[in-house]
Protein backbone atom coordinates (compact mmCIF):
# COMPACT_ATOMS: atom_id res chain seq x y z
CA MET A 1 -28.82 66.76 39.97
CA LEU A 2 -31.37 64.83 39.27
CA THR A 3 -34.86 66.49 39.37
CA PHE A 4 -38.11 64.66 39.25
CA GLN A 5 -41.45 66.96 39.04
CA GLY A 6 -45.26 66.12 38.54
CA THR A 7 -48.87 66.47 39.76
CA HIS A 8 -50.68 64.85 42.10
CA GLN A 9 -54.80 65.57 43.98
CA LEU A 10 -55.31 64.86 47.07
CA GLU A 11 -59.45 63.84 48.21
CA THR A 12 -59.09 66.08 51.02
CA ASN A 13 -60.45 69.74 51.87
CA LEU A 14 -57.30 72.40 51.86
CA ALA A 15 -57.06 72.71 55.82
CA HIS A 16 -56.87 68.67 56.09
CA GLY A 17 -54.04 68.51 53.33
CA LYS A 18 -52.11 71.56 54.87
CA GLU A 19 -52.49 69.75 58.26
CA LEU A 20 -51.26 66.10 57.36
CA LEU A 21 -48.65 67.34 54.80
CA ILE A 22 -46.64 69.34 57.65
CA ASP A 23 -46.96 66.26 60.10
CA PRO A 24 -43.83 64.38 60.61
CA GLN A 25 -45.80 61.33 61.82
CA PHE A 26 -48.53 61.07 58.80
CA LEU A 27 -45.62 61.18 56.41
CA VAL A 28 -43.87 58.56 58.14
CA SER A 29 -46.89 56.24 58.27
CA ALA A 30 -47.35 56.64 54.73
CA LEU A 31 -43.81 55.05 54.34
CA ARG A 32 -43.87 51.11 53.82
CA ASP A 33 -41.58 48.68 55.41
CA VAL A 34 -39.71 51.44 57.84
CA GLU A 35 -38.82 50.70 61.71
CA VAL A 36 -39.59 54.76 63.24
CA GLN A 37 -36.62 55.97 65.07
CA SER A 38 -37.64 58.93 66.59
CA ILE A 39 -40.35 62.10 65.24
CA SER A 40 -40.69 65.20 66.62
CA LYS A 41 -42.54 68.80 65.55
CA ASP A 42 -40.49 68.90 61.95
CA GLN A 43 -38.64 65.83 61.69
CA ALA A 44 -38.41 62.37 61.47
CA THR A 45 -36.19 59.53 61.36
CA TRP A 46 -36.61 55.64 60.43
CA LEU A 47 -34.48 53.17 59.31
CA MET A 48 -34.96 51.59 56.32
CA LYS A 49 -33.86 48.79 53.38
CA PRO A 50 -32.93 50.73 50.14
CA HIS A 51 -34.38 49.64 47.36
CA PHE A 52 -31.35 48.41 45.46
CA SER A 53 -30.03 45.37 45.51
CA PHE A 54 -26.61 45.28 45.56
CA ILE A 55 -26.71 47.77 49.07
CA LYS A 56 -27.25 45.27 51.53
CA THR A 57 -27.19 47.80 54.63
CA SER A 58 -30.24 49.62 56.02
CA LEU A 59 -30.39 53.42 55.82
CA GLU A 60 -30.90 55.81 58.44
CA THR A 61 -33.30 58.58 56.65
CA THR A 62 -34.21 61.84 58.03
CA LEU A 63 -37.33 63.81 56.96
CA THR A 64 -36.94 67.58 57.72
CA ILE A 65 -39.62 70.07 57.49
CA LEU A 66 -37.73 73.44 56.15
CA LYS A 67 -40.04 75.76 55.58
CA GLY A 68 -44.00 76.29 54.92
CA SER A 69 -47.14 78.23 56.67
CA LYS A 70 -50.55 76.96 57.29
CA ASN A 71 -51.38 80.03 58.61
CA SER A 72 -53.06 81.01 55.06
CA ILE A 73 -55.05 79.51 52.33
CA THR A 74 -54.89 80.65 48.73
CA THR A 75 -57.58 79.75 46.40
CA SER A 76 -56.99 78.86 42.84
CA ASP A 77 -58.50 81.71 41.84
CA GLU A 78 -56.17 84.10 43.72
CA GLN A 79 -52.79 85.00 41.63
CA LYS A 80 -49.89 82.67 41.88
CA ASP A 81 -46.08 84.30 42.62
CA SER A 82 -44.44 83.80 39.31
CA SER A 83 -40.92 82.89 41.64
CA HIS A 84 -43.12 79.23 42.46
CA SER A 85 -41.73 77.76 38.77
CA GLU A 86 -37.79 78.35 40.71
CA GLN A 87 -38.26 75.40 43.06
CA PHE A 88 -34.43 74.84 42.68
CA SER A 89 -31.15 77.29 42.25
CA SER A 90 -27.57 75.18 42.02
CA GLY A 91 -28.90 71.83 44.50
CA VAL A 92 -30.79 74.15 47.18
CA ILE A 93 -33.99 75.60 47.40
CA SER A 94 -34.12 79.34 46.32
CA GLU A 95 -35.34 81.37 49.36
CA GLY A 96 -37.84 83.52 46.34
CA ALA A 97 -39.74 80.41 46.27
CA ILE A 98 -41.31 80.47 49.43
CA SER A 99 -44.58 81.94 49.86
CA GLU A 100 -46.79 81.92 52.57
CA GLY A 101 -49.15 79.15 53.03
CA ASN A 102 -49.35 76.87 50.18
CA ILE A 103 -45.84 75.93 49.79
CA PHE A 104 -44.06 73.25 52.03
CA PHE A 105 -39.97 72.14 51.87
CA TYR A 106 -38.29 69.11 52.65
CA GLN A 107 -35.25 67.55 52.70
CA VAL A 108 -34.31 64.16 53.13
CA VAL A 109 -30.90 62.46 54.13
CA SER A 110 -29.88 58.90 54.00
CA LYS A 111 -27.20 57.55 55.23
CA GLY A 112 -25.73 54.01 55.34
CA ILE A 113 -22.42 52.23 55.47
CA GLY A 114 -21.24 53.61 52.09
CA ALA A 115 -24.06 55.41 50.97
CA THR A 116 -25.42 59.16 51.07
CA ALA A 117 -28.04 60.35 49.29
CA GLU A 118 -30.14 63.60 49.90
CA VAL A 119 -32.90 64.98 48.43
CA GLU A 120 -34.54 68.46 48.65
CA ILE A 121 -38.67 68.09 47.89
CA SER A 122 -41.18 70.93 47.27
CA LEU A 123 -44.75 70.75 47.33
CA GLN A 124 -47.31 73.50 46.35
CA LEU A 125 -50.48 73.17 46.92
CA THR A 126 -53.98 74.43 44.87
CA ASP A 127 -57.43 74.59 45.98
CA LEU A 128 -59.61 72.94 43.62
CA MET A 129 -62.79 72.94 45.57
CA ASN A 130 -64.46 75.19 43.24
CA CYS A 131 -62.82 75.00 39.83
CA GLY A 132 -65.01 72.61 38.05
CA GLU A 133 -67.12 73.09 35.37
CA SER A 134 -71.27 72.46 36.65
CA GLY A 135 -71.43 68.93 37.09
CA VAL A 136 -68.02 67.99 37.23
CA HIS A 137 -66.05 66.91 40.27
CA ALA A 138 -63.02 68.29 40.68
CA PRO A 139 -60.51 67.12 43.40
CA PRO A 140 -60.25 68.96 46.75
CA ILE A 141 -56.39 70.15 46.15
CA MET A 142 -53.72 69.87 43.22
CA ILE A 143 -50.14 69.70 44.38
CA GLN A 144 -47.26 70.42 41.57
CA TRP A 145 -44.29 68.92 43.04
CA GLN A 146 -41.09 68.64 42.44
CA ALA A 147 -38.03 66.57 44.07
CA GLY A 148 -34.39 67.18 43.48
CA ILE A 149 -31.61 64.66 44.22
CA THR A 150 -29.42 67.15 45.39
CA LYS A 151 -26.26 64.88 46.65
CA LEU A 152 -24.62 60.96 46.29
CA THR A 153 -22.24 59.39 47.93
CA GLY A 154 -19.84 56.51 48.09
CA LEU A 155 -22.40 52.99 46.11
CA LEU A 156 -24.75 55.47 45.52
CA LYS A 157 -22.54 57.66 43.43
CA LEU A 158 -21.34 54.88 41.08
CA VAL A 159 -25.00 53.57 40.37
CA PRO A 160 -25.92 54.49 36.63
CA LYS A 161 -28.37 57.62 36.09
CA GLY A 162 -31.44 55.62 34.91
CA LEU A 163 -31.15 53.27 37.68
CA ILE A 164 -31.65 55.72 39.93
CA GLU A 165 -34.09 57.83 37.90
CA SER A 166 -35.95 54.34 37.49
CA VAL A 167 -36.28 53.93 41.14
CA ALA A 168 -37.13 57.17 41.81
CA LYS A 169 -40.28 57.06 39.99
CA GLN A 170 -41.14 54.04 41.46
CA VAL A 171 -40.84 55.24 45.05
CA ILE A 172 -42.49 58.59 44.28
CA GLU A 173 -45.49 56.12 42.67
CA GLU A 174 -45.68 54.53 46.17
CA THR A 175 -45.36 57.05 48.46
CA TRP A 176 -48.56 58.98 46.73
CA THR A 177 -50.24 56.10 46.55
CA ASN A 178 -49.28 55.44 50.34
CA ILE A 179 -50.14 58.97 51.22
CA ASP A 180 -53.53 58.95 50.02
CA GLU A 181 -54.62 55.47 51.44
CA GLN A 182 -53.57 57.51 54.57
CA ILE A 183 -55.78 60.68 53.69
CA LYS A 184 -58.80 57.89 53.26
CA LEU A 185 -58.23 56.34 56.76
CA SER A 186 -57.45 59.72 58.91
CA LYS A 187 -61.52 60.81 57.07
CA SER A 188 -63.19 57.87 58.93
């Protein structure tokens, strides 16, 4: 399994950020060059061209919001559960990693003729509103994220690991940039 992780800052308050990050319609609006097929409360499906030039077919991609809660808000001053560091276990999300409030889990499955990819994603949100030193601006939300490619089949299984890593990093960067743009639009 290939795993990617990092942090990202969102310029919105925690409640608004949580609302947006569990809204499939908002998440799909942050994607470029997709044809939306359906959107429900916890799932979205769209068609997209893969980022590999040798795969000419469109991929049907489904995002499913697996677990998470928008009911509790945790600030950075409160203790964090140590189980959060183990987000993935043997290619599946570890139930021990689930916490109320600020951790969200997603599954993305892309299928096309001769290719399938499955990805698991976790986001842990931390409220930074009061964490900055006096006079220093701190972004309102810090997100620790992790994504794991849990399954590749067909043509995707033949792609060199380095190429998959490169494309995945590009897609992740573009997606965060698009989410940032959509958050700015949602504020206006």
